Amino acid sequence: MQRENESNALAARLIARAEELAPVLGARAGQANAIGRIPADTLADLQAAGFFKVLQPKRYGGYELDPQIFFDIQIALARGCMSTAWVYGVVGVHNWQLALFDERAQQEVWGANPATLIASTYMPVGRVTVVEGGFRLSGHWKFSSGSELCEWVFLGALVPPASAGGAPEYRTFLLPRSDYAIKQDWDVLGLRATGSHDIVVDDVFVPDYRTHRSVDGMMGTSPGLAVNDAALFRLPFAQIFVRAVCTACIGALQGALDDFVGYADKRISANSGAKTVDDTGAQVACANAAVAIDEMRVLLRRNFDELLAAANGGAAVSIERRVHFRYQSAQVAERCAQIASALLRHAGGNGIYHRNPLVRRFLDLHAARAHYANNVERFGQNLGAVMLGRENADFFI
């Protein structure tokens, strides 16, 4: 009971700190977008607050808290700056995935400095050759958020089958900064401060213990569980990751609603003289945003409650249920972008200027829709197919 109380108190402090930091991040958002990355002061604030420790193993100074706390922090940060929250979600979840790797890999990354951060890009574009003791890896990956802030990277690739007719095996490869180059190619309409540059690798050796098989993450058979045995690490990796790239949208939509309410309170139409606060369309747009935010938070929390119950020894979550959760996560970015569009529509002509923070929220949310994990058509189609008796076509669940 004492340990549970201590964890609850720590969680409350972390969320409160994130809420305090949100307006500071909002004030820095213009600078962050201009330089195309998270400012050094912001990274220092995130580290000092202990946010990256939330999902990190206790063996390396982490907190091993409930993932719901991680996502609550991400939502709070996104109310100030979605790019910061996006980077926190993506990079912070890597401290959870590294715990699934062989203990030797964990020691290489965190042995000297437990605050070391890892970037990623899971696109399966790597070219892999099996060699003694591991693999040779080459390739060019896009969309590595926060890459300039990190000293290691996770890269996705398919390992060729051991025999003719076999299926390739998806793995995550872990590389140190000396083994890859960052190609700066991030000039986009939204999420500009995520610094999601390209990663280039030219024929480097990756030992087998610095790889993680996707099937182990799905089935709960990862080698890291031998030393990190908390229920937290028995969750399916895919379910954790897809939440990391949709949850910031909820916080950004809350920020957009906050911005709109503040803006509408002062706006009077130059054409009609009517106040925006009396515009029935604006009123409905606000109501729809508030209800949607509430619904998405409650729904995703329920889904994770089910996953956590299974990780703590309850009944396993079925494949169909995981596919269901996957589609619900994918819907978040699309839904938030549409609602932000409705708010912007009722902001009038002056609302489209870049100085209006609602525009930044609008652009960030529409950029989030482009992430593969937020592809509503693909994952909705898969769920419907499974419901109709077809085989599941998505194994990142």
Protein backbone atom coordinates (compact mmCIF):
# COMPACT_ATOMS: atom_id res chain seq x y z
CA MET A 1 0.00 0.00 0.00
CA GLN A 2 2.84 2.41 0.83
CA ARG A 3 4.51 1.71 -2.50
CA GLU A 4 1.22 2.32 -4.33
CA ASN A 5 0.71 5.59 -2.47
CA GLU A 6 4.24 6.70 -3.34
CA SER A 7 3.67 5.88 -7.01
CA ASN A 8 0.38 7.80 -7.02
CA ALA A 9 2.03 10.82 -5.41
CA LEU A 10 4.88 10.72 -7.93
CA ALA A 11 2.40 10.46 -10.81
CA ALA A 12 0.45 13.45 -9.52
CA ARG A 13 3.64 15.52 -9.27
CA LEU A 14 4.69 14.60 -12.80
CA ILE A 15 1.32 15.49 -14.32
CA ALA A 16 1.18 18.76 -12.35
CA ARG A 17 4.66 19.66 -13.61
CA ALA A 18 3.61 18.94 -17.20
CA GLU A 19 0.57 21.18 -16.78
CA GLU A 20 2.80 23.95 -15.37
CA LEU A 21 5.22 23.57 -18.27
CA ALA A 22 2.55 23.72 -20.99
CA PRO A 23 2.27 27.54 -21.22
CA VAL A 24 6.07 27.80 -21.25
CA LEU A 25 6.16 25.41 -24.20
CA GLY A 26 3.46 27.43 -25.92
CA ALA A 27 5.58 30.56 -25.57
CA ARG A 28 8.54 28.72 -27.11
CA ALA A 29 6.55 27.15 -29.95
CA GLY A 30 7.35 29.89 -32.45
CA GLN A 31 11.07 29.53 -31.81
CA ALA A 32 10.82 25.74 -31.96
CA ASN A 33 9.09 25.85 -35.34
CA ALA A 34 11.63 28.35 -36.66
CA ILE A 35 14.64 26.19 -35.76
CA GLY A 36 12.88 22.95 -36.64
CA ARG A 37 13.60 21.13 -33.39
CA ILE A 38 12.91 21.13 -29.69
CA PRO A 39 14.91 23.97 -28.06
CA ALA A 40 17.70 22.98 -25.68
CA ASP A 41 15.86 24.63 -22.78
CA THR A 42 12.80 22.47 -23.45
CA LEU A 43 14.79 19.24 -23.55
CA ALA A 44 16.47 20.26 -20.29
CA ASP A 45 13.05 20.90 -18.73
CA LEU A 46 11.75 17.49 -19.80
CA GLN A 47 14.83 15.75 -18.43
CA ALA A 48 14.81 17.70 -15.17
CA ALA A 49 11.13 16.89 -14.61
CA GLY A 50 11.89 13.17 -14.93
CA PHE A 51 9.39 12.65 -17.73
CA PHE A 52 11.62 10.25 -19.67
CA LYS A 53 11.85 8.00 -16.59
CA VAL A 54 8.13 7.19 -16.52
CA LEU A 55 8.40 3.95 -18.54
CA GLN A 56 12.09 3.29 -17.90
CA PRO A 57 13.16 0.22 -15.84
CA LYS A 58 13.91 0.86 -12.18
CA ARG A 59 17.26 -0.88 -12.68
CA TYR A 60 18.37 2.25 -14.55
CA GLY A 61 16.73 4.86 -12.34
CA GLY A 62 13.32 4.75 -14.01
CA TYR A 63 9.91 4.87 -12.37
CA GLU A 64 8.10 1.95 -14.09
CA LEU A 65 4.79 3.80 -13.79
CA ASP A 66 1.43 2.99 -15.34
CA PRO A 67 1.49 3.96 -19.06
CA GLN A 68 -1.66 5.98 -18.43
CA ILE A 69 0.57 8.46 -16.56
CA PHE A 70 2.90 8.66 -19.54
CA PHE A 71 -0.01 9.51 -21.82
CA ASP A 72 -1.50 12.01 -19.35
CA ILE A 73 1.85 13.83 -19.33
CA GLN A 74 1.90 13.80 -23.12
CA ILE A 75 -1.60 15.30 -23.30
CA ALA A 76 -0.64 18.04 -20.84
CA LEU A 77 2.51 18.94 -22.79
CA ALA A 78 0.59 19.03 -26.07
CA ARG A 79 -1.71 21.74 -24.75
CA GLY A 80 1.36 23.97 -24.96
CA CYS A 81 3.26 22.54 -27.95
CA MET A 82 2.24 19.45 -29.90
CA SER A 83 5.71 19.05 -31.43
CA THR A 84 7.25 18.79 -27.96
CA ALA A 85 4.60 16.30 -26.86
CA TRP A 86 5.08 14.28 -30.05
CA VAL A 87 8.84 14.01 -29.47
CA TYR A 88 8.26 13.15 -25.82
CA GLY A 89 5.82 10.42 -26.77
CA VAL A 90 8.01 8.86 -29.45
CA VAL A 91 11.37 9.16 -27.68
CA GLY A 92 9.96 8.45 -24.22
CA VAL A 93 8.36 5.20 -25.31
CA HIS A 94 11.77 3.95 -26.47
CA ASN A 95 12.83 3.72 -22.83
CA TRP A 96 10.09 1.12 -22.54
CA GLN A 97 11.09 -0.79 -25.68
CA LEU A 98 14.78 -0.92 -24.77
CA ALA A 99 13.73 -2.76 -21.60
CA LEU A 100 12.61 -5.60 -23.89
CA PHE A 101 16.06 -5.98 -25.47
CA ASP A 102 18.80 -8.29 -24.29
CA GLU A 103 20.37 -6.98 -21.07
CA ARG A 104 23.65 -6.33 -22.90
CA ALA A 105 21.95 -3.80 -25.18
CA GLN A 106 20.40 -2.01 -22.21
CA GLN A 107 23.79 -1.78 -20.52
CA GLU A 108 25.43 -0.35 -23.65
CA VAL A 109 22.89 2.47 -23.85
CA TRP A 110 22.28 3.26 -20.17
CA GLY A 111 25.30 1.85 -18.36
CA ALA A 112 27.26 5.10 -18.33
CA ASN A 113 24.30 7.49 -18.51
CA PRO A 114 20.71 6.38 -17.79
CA ALA A 115 19.45 9.67 -19.29
CA THR A 116 20.64 8.67 -22.79
CA LEU A 117 17.84 8.98 -25.34
CA ILE A 118 16.96 6.88 -28.39
CA ALA A 119 15.35 8.02 -31.65
CA SER A 120 13.57 5.72 -34.10
CA THR A 121 12.09 5.09 -37.48
CA TYR A 122 10.37 1.74 -37.82
CA MET A 123 9.81 1.78 -41.57
CA PRO A 124 10.89 -1.70 -42.78
CA VAL A 125 13.24 -0.35 -45.44
CA GLY A 126 16.57 -1.64 -44.12
CA ARG A 127 18.64 -4.04 -46.22
CA VAL A 128 19.77 -6.92 -44.03
CA THR A 129 22.42 -9.60 -44.53
CA VAL A 130 22.75 -12.35 -41.94
CA VAL A 131 26.36 -12.83 -40.78
CA GLU A 132 28.04 -14.61 -37.91
CA GLY A 133 26.97 -13.10 -34.59
CA GLY A 134 24.45 -10.71 -36.11
CA PHE A 135 23.65 -8.73 -39.24
CA ARG A 136 24.98 -6.21 -41.75
CA LEU A 137 22.52 -3.34 -42.11
CA SER A 138 22.16 -0.58 -44.70
CA GLY A 139 19.35 1.74 -45.67
CA HIS A 140 17.73 5.17 -45.77
CA TRP A 141 14.86 5.76 -43.34
CA LYS A 142 12.60 8.81 -43.08
CA PHE A 143 10.69 10.42 -40.19
CA SER A 144 12.99 10.04 -37.18
CA SER A 145 11.42 12.45 -34.68
CA GLY A 146 13.83 14.10 -32.24
CA SER A 147 16.79 12.46 -33.98
CA GLU A 148 19.16 15.35 -33.25
CA LEU A 149 18.46 15.02 -29.51
CA CYS A 150 19.40 11.34 -29.29
CA GLU A 151 22.58 9.26 -29.17
CA TRP A 152 21.09 5.96 -30.37
CA VAL A 153 18.39 4.96 -32.87
CA PHE A 154 15.91 2.12 -33.39
CA LEU A 155 15.57 1.14 -37.07
CA GLY A 156 13.09 -1.25 -38.65
CA ALA A 157 14.05 -3.92 -41.17
CA LEU A 158 13.01 -7.33 -42.44
CA VAL A 159 15.42 -10.20 -41.87
CA PRO A 160 15.50 -12.60 -44.86
CA PRO A 161 13.96 -16.03 -44.19
CA ALA A 162 16.33 -18.82 -43.19
CA SER A 163 14.96 -21.12 -45.87
CA ALA A 164 13.30 -20.86 -49.26
CA GLY A 165 9.60 -20.24 -49.00
CA GLY A 166 9.87 -18.85 -45.46
CA ALA A 167 8.54 -15.47 -44.39
CA PRO A 168 10.83 -12.52 -43.59
CA GLU A 169 11.01 -11.54 -39.93
CA TYR A 170 10.52 -7.94 -38.76
CA ARG A 171 13.08 -6.74 -36.24
CA THR A 172 14.06 -3.47 -34.61
CA PHE A 173 17.80 -2.78 -34.87
CA LEU A 174 19.59 -0.64 -32.26
CA LEU A 175 22.52 1.48 -33.48
CA PRO A 176 24.82 4.03 -31.76
CA ARG A 177 25.25 7.53 -33.17
CA SER A 178 28.61 6.58 -34.71
CA ASP A 179 26.90 4.06 -37.01
CA TYR A 180 24.44 6.34 -38.78
CA ALA A 181 24.14 9.77 -40.36
CA ILE A 182 21.28 12.24 -39.93
CA LYS A 183 20.18 13.77 -43.22
CA GLN A 184 18.35 17.01 -42.53
CA ASP A 185 15.27 16.87 -44.71
CA TRP A 186 12.41 18.14 -42.54
CA ASP A 187 10.59 21.03 -44.24
CA VAL A 188 6.89 20.37 -43.65
CA LEU A 189 3.60 22.10 -42.98
CA GLY A 190 3.07 20.92 -39.40
CA LEU A 191 4.92 19.34 -36.48
CA ARG A 192 7.89 21.33 -37.71
CA ALA A 193 9.66 21.33 -34.35
CA THR A 194 9.77 17.53 -34.17
CA GLY A 195 12.93 17.56 -36.31
CA SER A 196 11.92 14.27 -37.93
CA HIS A 197 14.93 13.95 -40.20
CA ASP A 198 16.17 11.02 -42.28
CA ILE A 199 18.56 8.33 -41.02
CA VAL A 200 21.18 6.86 -43.35
CA VAL A 201 23.17 3.69 -42.62
CA ASP A 202 25.94 2.34 -44.83
CA ASP A 203 26.75 -1.34 -44.21
CA VAL A 204 27.30 -1.54 -40.46
CA PHE A 205 27.43 -4.59 -38.20
CA VAL A 206 24.65 -4.99 -35.65
CA PRO A 207 25.10 -7.82 -33.13
CA ASP A 208 22.12 -10.10 -32.67
CA TYR A 209 21.59 -8.96 -29.07
CA ARG A 210 21.00 -5.42 -30.32
CA THR A 211 17.90 -6.49 -32.23
CA HIS A 212 14.34 -7.09 -31.06
CA ARG A 213 11.94 -9.40 -32.85
CA SER A 214 8.45 -8.03 -33.45
CA VAL A 215 6.93 -11.40 -32.64
CA ASP A 216 8.54 -11.30 -29.18
CA GLY A 217 6.98 -7.91 -28.54
CA MET A 218 3.59 -9.20 -29.63
CA MET A 219 3.72 -12.50 -27.72
CA GLY A 220 5.40 -11.27 -24.52
CA THR A 221 8.56 -13.35 -25.02
CA SER A 222 11.15 -10.56 -25.21
CA PRO A 223 14.60 -11.37 -23.75
CA GLY A 224 14.56 -8.27 -21.56
CA LEU A 225 11.73 -9.72 -19.49
CA ALA A 226 14.35 -11.89 -17.79
CA VAL A 227 15.57 -8.80 -15.91
CA ASN A 228 12.61 -6.39 -16.25
CA ASP A 229 9.69 -8.47 -15.02
CA ALA A 230 7.15 -5.77 -14.12
CA ALA A 231 3.73 -6.18 -15.71
CA LEU A 232 4.34 -2.92 -17.57
CA PHE A 233 6.83 -4.68 -19.85
CA ARG A 234 4.43 -7.46 -20.76
CA LEU A 235 2.18 -5.07 -22.67
CA PRO A 236 2.17 -5.44 -26.50
CA PHE A 237 4.72 -3.02 -27.93
CA ALA A 238 2.49 -2.01 -30.83
CA GLN A 239 -0.32 -0.89 -28.54
CA ILE A 240 2.08 1.32 -26.59
CA PHE A 241 3.66 2.84 -29.70
CA VAL A 242 0.48 3.68 -31.61
CA ARG A 243 -0.79 5.52 -28.54
CA ALA A 244 2.45 7.53 -28.50
CA VAL A 245 1.68 8.95 -31.96
CA CYS A 246 -2.00 9.72 -31.42
CA THR A 247 -2.29 10.89 -27.81
CA ALA A 248 -0.57 14.23 -28.41
CA CYS A 249 -3.43 15.04 -30.80
CA ILE A 250 -5.89 15.04 -27.91
CA GLY A 251 -3.80 17.55 -25.96
CA ALA A 252 -3.31 19.70 -29.05
CA LEU A 253 -7.06 19.75 -29.67
CA GLN A 254 -7.61 20.83 -26.05
CA GLY A 255 -5.06 23.58 -26.65
CA ALA A 256 -6.89 24.58 -29.82
CA LEU A 257 -10.16 24.76 -27.89
CA ASP A 258 -8.49 26.88 -25.21
CA ASP A 259 -7.12 29.20 -27.91
CA PHE A 260 -10.49 29.48 -29.65
CA VAL A 261 -12.37 30.29 -26.46
CA GLY A 262 -9.86 33.04 -25.64
CA TYR A 263 -9.98 34.38 -29.19
CA ALA A 264 -13.78 34.24 -29.51
CA ASP A 265 -14.26 36.19 -26.29
CA LYS A 266 -12.70 39.25 -27.95
CA ARG A 267 -13.74 38.85 -31.60
CA ILE A 268 -16.49 40.89 -33.22
CA SER A 269 -17.23 40.41 -36.93
CA ALA A 270 -16.25 43.44 -39.02
CA ASN A 271 -19.06 42.60 -41.45
CA SER A 272 -22.02 41.94 -39.17
CA GLY A 273 -20.90 43.35 -35.85
CA ALA A 274 -21.89 40.07 -34.20
CA LYS A 275 -19.84 38.62 -31.38
CA THR A 276 -18.29 35.19 -32.00
CA VAL A 277 -19.42 34.07 -28.56
CA ASP A 278 -23.01 34.51 -29.77
CA ASP A 279 -22.44 32.59 -33.03
CA THR A 280 -24.40 29.33 -32.78
CA GLY A 281 -21.97 27.60 -35.15
CA ALA A 282 -19.04 28.55 -32.92
CA GLN A 283 -20.95 27.36 -29.88
CA VAL A 284 -21.59 23.95 -31.42
CA ALA A 285 -17.95 23.67 -32.58
CA CYS A 286 -16.80 24.26 -29.00
CA ALA A 287 -19.28 21.75 -27.63
CA ASN A 288 -18.23 19.11 -30.17
CA ALA A 289 -14.56 19.63 -29.35
CA ALA A 290 -15.10 19.31 -25.60
CA VAL A 291 -17.20 16.16 -25.94
CA ALA A 292 -14.78 14.54 -28.39
CA ILE A 293 -11.79 15.21 -26.13
CA ASP A 294 -13.63 13.59 -23.23
CA GLU A 295 -14.72 10.60 -25.32
CA MET A 296 -11.25 9.91 -26.73
CA ARG A 297 -9.53 10.15 -23.36
CA VAL A 298 -12.04 7.82 -21.71
CA LEU A 299 -12.00 5.35 -24.59
CA LEU A 300 -8.22 5.02 -24.84
CA ARG A 301 -7.94 4.75 -21.07
CA ARG A 302 -10.46 1.92 -21.07
CA ASN A 303 -8.50 0.10 -23.76
CA PHE A 304 -5.31 0.31 -21.76
CA ASP A 305 -7.08 -0.80 -18.62
CA GLU A 306 -7.94 -4.02 -20.47
CA LEU A 307 -4.36 -4.46 -21.70
CA LEU A 308 -2.95 -3.81 -18.23
CA ALA A 309 -5.36 -6.28 -16.66
CA ALA A 310 -4.08 -8.94 -19.07
CA ALA A 311 -0.46 -8.01 -18.35
CA ASN A 312 -1.17 -8.44 -14.64
CA GLY A 313 -2.29 -12.02 -15.15
CA GLY A 314 -5.85 -11.61 -16.37
CA ALA A 315 -7.40 -13.11 -19.48
CA ALA A 316 -5.41 -12.50 -22.65
CA VAL A 317 -6.66 -9.78 -24.99
CA SER A 318 -7.80 -11.42 -28.22
CA ILE A 319 -6.39 -10.58 -31.65
CA GLU A 320 -9.74 -9.15 -32.71
CA ARG A 321 -9.81 -6.92 -29.64
CA ARG A 322 -6.28 -5.69 -30.33
CA VAL A 323 -7.27 -4.90 -33.92
CA HIS A 324 -10.25 -3.01 -32.50
CA PHE A 325 -7.96 -0.97 -30.23
CA ARG A 326 -5.61 -0.30 -33.16
CA TYR A 327 -8.38 1.25 -35.22
CA GLN A 328 -9.56 3.38 -32.31
CA SER A 329 -6.04 4.77 -31.86
CA ALA A 330 -5.80 5.51 -35.58
CA GLN A 331 -9.06 7.47 -35.51
CA VAL A 332 -7.79 10.00 -32.99
CA ALA A 333 -5.61 12.10 -35.31
CA GLU A 334 -8.26 12.21 -38.04
CA ARG A 335 -10.99 13.16 -35.60
CA CYS A 336 -8.92 15.85 -33.88
CA ALA A 337 -7.89 17.38 -37.23
CA GLN A 338 -11.50 17.61 -38.39
CA ILE A 339 -12.63 19.24 -35.15
CA ALA A 340 -9.74 21.72 -35.27
CA SER A 341 -10.83 22.57 -38.82
CA ALA A 342 -14.31 23.39 -37.53
CA LEU A 343 -12.90 25.68 -34.85
CA LEU A 344 -10.68 27.47 -37.38
CA ARG A 345 -13.66 27.95 -39.71
CA HIS A 346 -15.47 29.91 -36.99
CA ALA A 347 -12.40 32.05 -36.21
CA GLY A 348 -13.14 34.23 -39.23
CA GLY A 349 -10.73 35.95 -41.60
CA ASN A 350 -8.35 37.15 -38.89
CA GLY A 351 -8.11 33.60 -37.60
CA ILE A 352 -5.96 32.44 -40.52
CA TYR A 353 -2.93 34.59 -39.70
CA HIS A 354 0.12 32.68 -38.47
CA ARG A 355 0.13 34.84 -35.34
CA ASN A 356 -3.05 33.07 -34.26
CA PRO A 357 -1.87 29.98 -32.29
CA LEU A 358 -4.94 28.11 -33.54
CA VAL A 359 -3.25 27.92 -36.95
CA ARG A 360 -0.26 26.08 -35.49
CA ARG A 361 -2.58 23.58 -33.80
CA PHE A 362 -4.47 23.11 -37.07
CA LEU A 363 -1.29 22.44 -39.06
CA ASP A 364 0.20 20.13 -36.43
CA LEU A 365 -2.94 18.02 -36.23
CA HIS A 366 -3.20 17.67 -39.98
CA ALA A 367 0.46 16.66 -40.14
CA ALA A 368 -0.18 13.94 -37.54
CA ARG A 369 -2.72 12.36 -39.88
CA ALA A 370 0.13 11.43 -42.22
CA HIS A 371 1.75 9.00 -39.77
CA TYR A 372 1.29 5.41 -40.88
CA ALA A 373 -0.13 4.43 -37.48
CA ASN A 374 -2.90 7.02 -37.92
CA ASN A 375 -4.13 5.63 -41.27
CA VAL A 376 -7.83 5.23 -40.53
CA GLU A 377 -8.73 3.58 -43.83
CA ARG A 378 -6.12 0.82 -43.56
CA PHE A 379 -6.86 -0.15 -39.97
CA GLY A 380 -10.60 0.29 -40.28
CA GLN A 381 -10.58 -2.01 -43.29
CA ASN A 382 -8.57 -4.60 -41.35
CA LEU A 383 -10.95 -4.51 -38.38
CA GLY A 384 -13.96 -4.90 -40.65
CA ALA A 385 -12.31 -7.77 -42.50
CA VAL A 386 -11.55 -9.58 -39.24
CA MET A 387 -15.13 -9.08 -38.10
CA LEU A 388 -16.30 -10.67 -41.35
CA GLY A 389 -14.14 -13.74 -40.89
CA ARG A 390 -11.03 -12.76 -42.85
CA GLU A 391 -7.50 -13.22 -41.54
CA ASN A 392 -5.91 -10.37 -39.63
CA ALA A 393 -3.48 -8.56 -41.97
CA ASP A 394 -1.80 -6.37 -39.35
CA PHE A 395 0.68 -7.90 -36.97
CA PHE A 396 1.72 -4.60 -35.38
CA ILE A 397 -1.00 -4.93 -32.76
